[in-house]
Amino acid sequence: YLKCGWLLLSVSVSVAPGYHGIERDRIYSLGWNKKNGEVQYPISEKSKKLDDAIIKMLNGDDSKVKEFLDEWNAGD
């Protein structure tokens, strides 16, 4: 998110009883500055490949769909 232009507003710690005793979780608060324009979100490589496969499939080429599914099933 920071690489996309989000700002780190605060970091806090949540403490609560858990299964293995006291558990601590970090809580990150982020914000988007409207001056940066439309909100940007990070996109994973898998999401990019899926988008590419869908666009190609809509244009009649389903080879990328099979390629994506093969990678997905292989656990990449």
N, C-alpha and C. Protein backbone atom coordinates (compact mmCIF):
# COMPACT_ATOMS: atom_id res chain seq x y z
N TYR A 1 0.82 -1.20 0.00
CA TYR A 1 0.00 0.00 0.00
C TYR A 1 0.87 1.26 0.00
N LEU A 2 1.95 1.24 0.77
CA LEU A 2 2.81 2.41 0.81
C LEU A 2 3.41 2.72 -0.56
N LYS A 3 3.75 1.68 -1.33
CA LYS A 3 4.30 1.87 -2.67
C LYS A 3 3.27 2.50 -3.61
N CYS A 4 1.98 2.32 -3.31
CA CYS A 4 0.90 2.89 -4.12
C CYS A 4 0.59 4.33 -3.74
N GLY A 5 1.18 4.82 -2.65
CA GLY A 5 0.96 6.20 -2.25
C GLY A 5 0.17 6.39 -0.96
N TRP A 6 -0.21 5.28 -0.31
CA TRP A 6 -0.93 5.38 0.96
C TRP A 6 0.01 5.93 2.03
N LEU A 7 -0.56 6.56 3.06
CA LEU A 7 0.21 7.11 4.17
C LEU A 7 -0.01 6.27 5.42
N LEU A 8 1.07 6.00 6.15
CA LEU A 8 0.96 5.29 7.41
C LEU A 8 0.59 6.31 8.48
N LEU A 9 -0.60 6.16 9.05
CA LEU A 9 -1.10 7.12 10.03
C LEU A 9 -0.71 6.74 11.46
N SER A 10 -0.78 5.45 11.76
CA SER A 10 -0.41 5.02 13.11
C SER A 10 -0.18 3.51 13.14
N VAL A 11 0.53 3.08 14.18
CA VAL A 11 0.74 1.66 14.44
C VAL A 11 0.41 1.45 15.91
N SER A 12 -0.42 0.47 16.18
CA SER A 12 -0.77 0.17 17.57
C SER A 12 -0.72 -1.34 17.77
N VAL A 13 -0.83 -1.75 19.03
CA VAL A 13 -0.79 -3.16 19.36
C VAL A 13 -2.05 -3.53 20.11
N SER A 14 -2.67 -4.62 19.68
CA SER A 14 -3.84 -5.16 20.35
C SER A 14 -3.38 -6.35 21.19
N VAL A 15 -3.78 -6.38 22.44
CA VAL A 15 -3.41 -7.48 23.34
C VAL A 15 -4.69 -8.14 23.81
N ALA A 16 -4.75 -9.47 23.65
CA ALA A 16 -5.95 -10.20 24.06
C ALA A 16 -5.58 -11.64 24.41
N PRO A 17 -6.37 -12.26 25.29
CA PRO A 17 -6.12 -13.66 25.59
C PRO A 17 -6.40 -14.51 24.36
N GLY A 18 -5.55 -15.49 24.13
CA GLY A 18 -5.72 -16.37 22.98
C GLY A 18 -5.53 -17.82 23.37
N TYR A 19 -5.57 -18.65 22.39
CA TYR A 19 -5.46 -20.09 22.61
C TYR A 19 -4.13 -20.47 23.25
N HIS A 20 -3.06 -19.79 22.86
CA HIS A 20 -1.72 -20.09 23.38
C HIS A 20 -1.24 -19.01 24.35
N GLY A 21 -2.14 -18.43 25.11
CA GLY A 21 -1.77 -17.37 26.05
C GLY A 21 -2.11 -16.01 25.48
N ILE A 22 -1.38 -15.01 25.95
CA ILE A 22 -1.62 -13.63 25.49
C ILE A 22 -1.13 -13.49 24.05
N GLU A 23 -1.99 -12.97 23.20
CA GLU A 23 -1.63 -12.73 21.81
C GLU A 23 -1.58 -11.24 21.54
N ARG A 24 -0.58 -10.86 20.77
CA ARG A 24 -0.40 -9.46 20.39
C ARG A 24 -0.48 -9.34 18.87
N ASP A 25 -1.25 -8.42 18.42
CA ASP A 25 -1.38 -8.15 16.98
C ASP A 25 -1.07 -6.70 16.72
N ARG A 26 -0.29 -6.45 15.67
CA ARG A 26 -0.03 -5.06 15.25
C ARG A 26 -1.19 -4.60 14.39
N ILE A 27 -1.60 -3.37 14.59
CA ILE A 27 -2.68 -2.78 13.81
C ILE A 27 -2.10 -1.56 13.09
N TYR A 28 -2.16 -1.59 11.78
CA TYR A 28 -1.66 -0.49 10.96
C TYR A 28 -2.84 0.31 10.44
N SER A 29 -2.81 1.61 10.64
CA SER A 29 -3.85 2.50 10.11
C SER A 29 -3.26 3.27 8.95
N LEU A 30 -3.92 3.16 7.79
CA LEU A 30 -3.46 3.81 6.58
C LEU A 30 -4.49 4.83 6.11
N GLY A 31 -4.04 5.80 5.36
CA GLY A 31 -4.95 6.79 4.80
C GLY A 31 -4.52 7.17 3.40
N TRP A 32 -5.48 7.65 2.62
CA TRP A 32 -5.22 8.09 1.26
C TRP A 32 -5.44 9.59 1.18
N ASN A 33 -4.47 10.31 0.63
CA ASN A 33 -4.58 11.76 0.45
C ASN A 33 -5.32 12.03 -0.86
N LYS A 34 -6.43 12.74 -0.79
CA LYS A 34 -7.22 13.03 -1.99
C LYS A 34 -6.43 13.77 -3.04
N LYS A 35 -5.39 14.49 -2.64
CA LYS A 35 -4.55 15.21 -3.59
C LYS A 35 -3.83 14.26 -4.55
N ASN A 36 -3.73 12.99 -4.16
CA ASN A 36 -3.08 11.99 -5.02
C ASN A 36 -4.01 11.44 -6.09
N GLY A 37 -5.25 11.95 -6.13
CA GLY A 37 -6.21 11.49 -7.14
C GLY A 37 -6.99 10.28 -6.69
N GLU A 38 -7.36 9.45 -7.65
CA GLU A 38 -8.16 8.26 -7.37
C GLU A 38 -7.36 7.27 -6.52
N VAL A 39 -8.04 6.63 -5.58
CA VAL A 39 -7.39 5.68 -4.67
C VAL A 39 -6.77 4.54 -5.47
N GLN A 40 -5.53 4.21 -5.13
CA GLN A 40 -4.81 3.12 -5.78
C GLN A 40 -4.65 1.96 -4.80
N TYR A 41 -4.78 0.74 -5.31
CA TYR A 41 -4.62 -0.46 -4.49
C TYR A 41 -3.55 -1.34 -5.12
N PRO A 42 -2.79 -2.04 -4.29
CA PRO A 42 -1.78 -2.95 -4.85
C PRO A 42 -2.46 -4.12 -5.57
N ILE A 43 -1.82 -4.58 -6.62
CA ILE A 43 -2.34 -5.71 -7.39
C ILE A 43 -1.27 -6.79 -7.43
N SER A 44 -1.64 -8.00 -7.07
CA SER A 44 -0.68 -9.11 -7.06
C SER A 44 -0.37 -9.56 -8.48
N GLU A 45 0.74 -10.27 -8.64
CA GLU A 45 1.10 -10.81 -9.95
C GLU A 45 0.03 -11.78 -10.43
N LYS A 46 -0.54 -12.57 -9.50
CA LYS A 46 -1.61 -13.51 -9.89
C LYS A 46 -2.80 -12.77 -10.45
N SER A 47 -3.17 -11.65 -9.82
CA SER A 47 -4.31 -10.87 -10.31
C SER A 47 -4.03 -10.32 -11.70
N LYS A 48 -2.80 -9.86 -11.94
CA LYS A 48 -2.45 -9.35 -13.26
C LYS A 48 -2.55 -10.45 -14.31
N LYS A 49 -2.06 -11.66 -13.96
CA LYS A 49 -2.12 -12.77 -14.91
C LYS A 49 -3.56 -13.18 -15.19
N LEU A 50 -4.40 -13.17 -14.15
CA LEU A 50 -5.80 -13.52 -14.34
C LEU A 50 -6.49 -12.49 -15.23
N ASP A 51 -6.24 -11.20 -15.00
CA ASP A 51 -6.81 -10.15 -15.85
C ASP A 51 -6.40 -10.34 -17.30
N ASP A 52 -5.10 -10.64 -17.52
CA ASP A 52 -4.59 -10.86 -18.87
C ASP A 52 -5.29 -12.06 -19.52
N ALA A 53 -5.45 -13.14 -18.74
CA ALA A 53 -6.10 -14.35 -19.27
C ALA A 53 -7.55 -14.07 -19.66
N ILE A 54 -8.26 -13.32 -18.84
CA ILE A 54 -9.67 -13.01 -19.12
C ILE A 54 -9.79 -12.15 -20.37
N ILE A 55 -8.93 -11.14 -20.50
CA ILE A 55 -8.97 -10.26 -21.68
C ILE A 55 -8.70 -11.07 -22.95
N LYS A 56 -7.69 -11.95 -22.89
CA LYS A 56 -7.38 -12.77 -24.07
C LYS A 56 -8.53 -13.72 -24.39
N MET A 57 -9.15 -14.29 -23.35
CA MET A 57 -10.28 -15.21 -23.56
C MET A 57 -11.44 -14.47 -24.23
N LEU A 58 -11.71 -13.24 -23.80
CA LEU A 58 -12.79 -12.46 -24.40
C LEU A 58 -12.50 -12.14 -25.86
N ASN A 59 -11.22 -12.17 -26.23
CA ASN A 59 -10.83 -11.93 -27.62
C ASN A 59 -10.63 -13.23 -28.39
N GLY A 60 -11.09 -14.35 -27.81
CA GLY A 60 -11.06 -15.63 -28.52
C GLY A 60 -9.84 -16.49 -28.29
N ASP A 61 -8.92 -16.08 -27.45
CA ASP A 61 -7.70 -16.86 -27.18
C ASP A 61 -7.75 -17.38 -25.75
N ASP A 62 -8.06 -18.68 -25.61
CA ASP A 62 -8.19 -19.22 -24.25
C ASP A 62 -6.91 -19.89 -23.75
N SER A 63 -5.81 -19.75 -24.46
CA SER A 63 -4.55 -20.39 -24.06
C SER A 63 -4.03 -19.84 -22.72
N LYS A 64 -4.23 -18.56 -22.47
CA LYS A 64 -3.76 -17.96 -21.22
C LYS A 64 -4.58 -18.45 -20.03
N VAL A 65 -5.84 -18.81 -20.26
CA VAL A 65 -6.68 -19.32 -19.17
C VAL A 65 -6.11 -20.65 -18.69
N LYS A 66 -5.78 -21.55 -19.63
CA LYS A 66 -5.21 -22.84 -19.27
C LYS A 66 -3.87 -22.63 -18.56
N GLU A 67 -3.06 -21.73 -19.06
CA GLU A 67 -1.76 -21.43 -18.46
C GLU A 67 -1.94 -20.93 -17.02
N PHE A 68 -2.89 -20.02 -16.83
CA PHE A 68 -3.16 -19.49 -15.49
C PHE A 68 -3.62 -20.61 -14.55
N LEU A 69 -4.57 -21.43 -15.02
CA LEU A 69 -5.08 -22.52 -14.18
C LEU A 69 -4.00 -23.54 -13.85
N ASP A 70 -3.11 -23.83 -14.79
CA ASP A 70 -2.01 -24.74 -14.51
C ASP A 70 -1.10 -24.20 -13.42
N GLU A 71 -0.79 -22.90 -13.49
CA GLU A 71 0.04 -22.27 -12.45
C GLU A 71 -0.68 -22.27 -11.12
N TRP A 72 -1.97 -21.94 -11.14
CA TRP A 72 -2.78 -21.89 -9.91
C TRP A 72 -2.80 -23.25 -9.23
N ASN A 73 -3.05 -24.29 -10.01
CA ASN A 73 -3.11 -25.65 -9.46
C ASN A 73 -1.75 -26.16 -9.00
N ALA A 74 -0.67 -25.60 -9.56
CA ALA A 74 0.67 -25.99 -9.14
C ALA A 74 1.06 -25.29 -7.84
N GLY A 75 0.28 -24.30 -7.42
CA GLY A 75 0.55 -23.61 -6.17
C GLY A 75 1.46 -22.41 -6.27
N ASP A 76 1.68 -21.87 -7.46
CA ASP A 76 2.52 -20.67 -7.61
C ASP A 76 1.80 -19.45 -7.12
